[in-house]
């Protein structure tokens, strides 16, 4: 047990000392921002809500059968685009 605690402490020390190249921010409005050491990286910025919608589809579920509640207390409503992809809007 002591050895396990030692290993966990060592892992935490290593993680603190390892420089990170990117930072990811999850916002209450369902969006994300990704930055490198200098600026935002738009191609990595995807809506976390839409990523979850894709996850539901990959598991065989219809996302339209779910109610989506944002951390702000608002509801998110899914909309299917003419191209067949998903978008969403909040209740405010």
Protein backbone atom coordinates (compact mmCIF):
# COMPACT_ATOMS: atom_id res chain seq x y z
CA UNK A 1 0.00 0.00 0.00
CA UNK A 2 2.80 2.45 0.81
CA UNK A 3 4.45 1.64 -2.50
CA UNK A 4 1.22 2.46 -4.34
CA UNK A 5 1.04 5.84 -2.57
CA UNK A 6 4.65 6.47 -3.50
CA UNK A 7 3.91 5.71 -7.17
CA UNK A 8 0.89 8.03 -7.17
CA UNK A 9 2.97 10.86 -5.71
CA UNK A 10 5.69 10.31 -8.29
CA UNK A 11 3.12 10.36 -11.10
CA UNK A 12 1.69 13.65 -9.83
CA UNK A 13 5.18 15.17 -9.69
CA UNK A 14 5.88 14.09 -13.26
CA UNK A 15 2.58 15.47 -14.50
CA UNK A 16 3.25 18.85 -12.89
CA UNK A 17 6.69 19.06 -14.52
CA UNK A 18 5.55 18.02 -18.00
CA UNK A 19 4.88 21.08 -20.15
CA UNK A 20 1.48 21.12 -21.83
CA UNK A 21 1.25 22.24 -25.44
CA UNK A 22 -2.48 22.92 -25.48
CA UNK A 23 -5.19 24.13 -23.13
CA UNK A 24 -8.86 23.14 -23.50
CA UNK A 25 -11.66 25.25 -22.00
CA UNK A 26 -15.23 23.93 -21.63
CA UNK A 27 -17.80 26.72 -21.48
CA UNK A 28 -21.30 26.65 -20.03
CA UNK A 29 -22.78 27.49 -23.42
CA UNK A 30 -21.76 24.09 -24.84
CA UNK A 31 -18.70 25.33 -26.69
CA UNK A 32 -14.98 24.78 -26.24
CA UNK A 33 -11.88 26.83 -26.87
CA UNK A 34 -8.44 25.36 -27.51
CA UNK A 35 -5.24 27.33 -27.32
CA UNK A 36 -1.63 26.46 -27.91
CA UNK A 37 1.13 28.46 -26.29
CA UNK A 38 0.38 31.45 -28.56
CA UNK A 39 -3.20 31.54 -29.87
CA UNK A 40 -6.49 29.72 -30.40
CA UNK A 41 -6.59 26.57 -32.54
CA UNK A 42 -9.95 26.80 -34.38
CA UNK A 43 -9.75 23.35 -36.01
CA UNK A 44 -9.76 21.76 -32.53
CA UNK A 45 -12.68 23.80 -31.19
CA UNK A 46 -15.82 21.69 -31.34
CA UNK A 47 -19.06 22.00 -29.42
CA UNK A 48 -18.90 19.51 -26.55
CA UNK A 49 -22.67 19.19 -26.81
CA UNK A 50 -22.45 18.14 -30.47
CA UNK A 51 -19.63 15.71 -29.68
CA UNK A 52 -21.99 14.06 -27.21
CA UNK A 53 -24.73 13.96 -29.85
CA UNK A 54 -22.33 12.06 -32.14
CA UNK A 55 -21.51 9.72 -29.26
CA UNK A 56 -25.22 8.96 -28.78
CA UNK A 57 -25.58 8.19 -32.48
CA UNK A 58 -22.54 5.90 -32.37
CA UNK A 59 -24.30 3.91 -29.64
CA UNK A 60 -27.45 3.57 -31.77
CA UNK A 61 -29.55 6.22 -30.01
CA UNK A 62 -31.59 8.98 -31.63
CA UNK A 63 -30.39 12.27 -30.07
CA UNK A 64 -33.82 13.82 -30.67
CA UNK A 65 -35.19 11.56 -27.91
CA UNK A 66 -32.99 13.25 -25.29
CA UNK A 67 -33.42 16.45 -23.31
CA UNK A 68 -30.19 18.44 -23.06
CA UNK A 69 -29.69 20.63 -19.97
CA UNK A 70 -26.84 23.12 -19.95
CA UNK A 71 -24.93 23.96 -16.75
CA UNK A 72 -26.61 27.40 -16.80
CA UNK A 73 -30.01 25.77 -16.31
CA UNK A 74 -31.06 26.47 -19.87
CA UNK A 75 -32.23 23.79 -22.27
CA UNK A 76 -30.43 23.05 -25.55
CA UNK A 77 -32.57 22.20 -28.58
CA UNK A 78 -31.15 20.11 -31.42
CA UNK A 79 -31.80 21.02 -35.03
CA UNK A 80 -30.97 18.90 -38.08
CA UNK A 81 -29.40 20.96 -40.89
CA UNK A 82 -30.36 20.45 -44.56
CA UNK A 83 -26.97 18.77 -45.01
CA UNK A 84 -27.87 16.19 -42.36
CA UNK A 85 -25.56 17.38 -39.58
CA UNK A 86 -26.63 18.66 -36.17
CA UNK A 87 -26.67 22.13 -34.72
CA UNK A 88 -28.35 23.46 -31.59
CA UNK A 89 -29.67 26.54 -29.88
CA UNK A 90 -30.25 27.37 -26.25
CA UNK A 91 -33.57 28.26 -24.66
CA UNK A 92 -32.75 31.93 -24.02
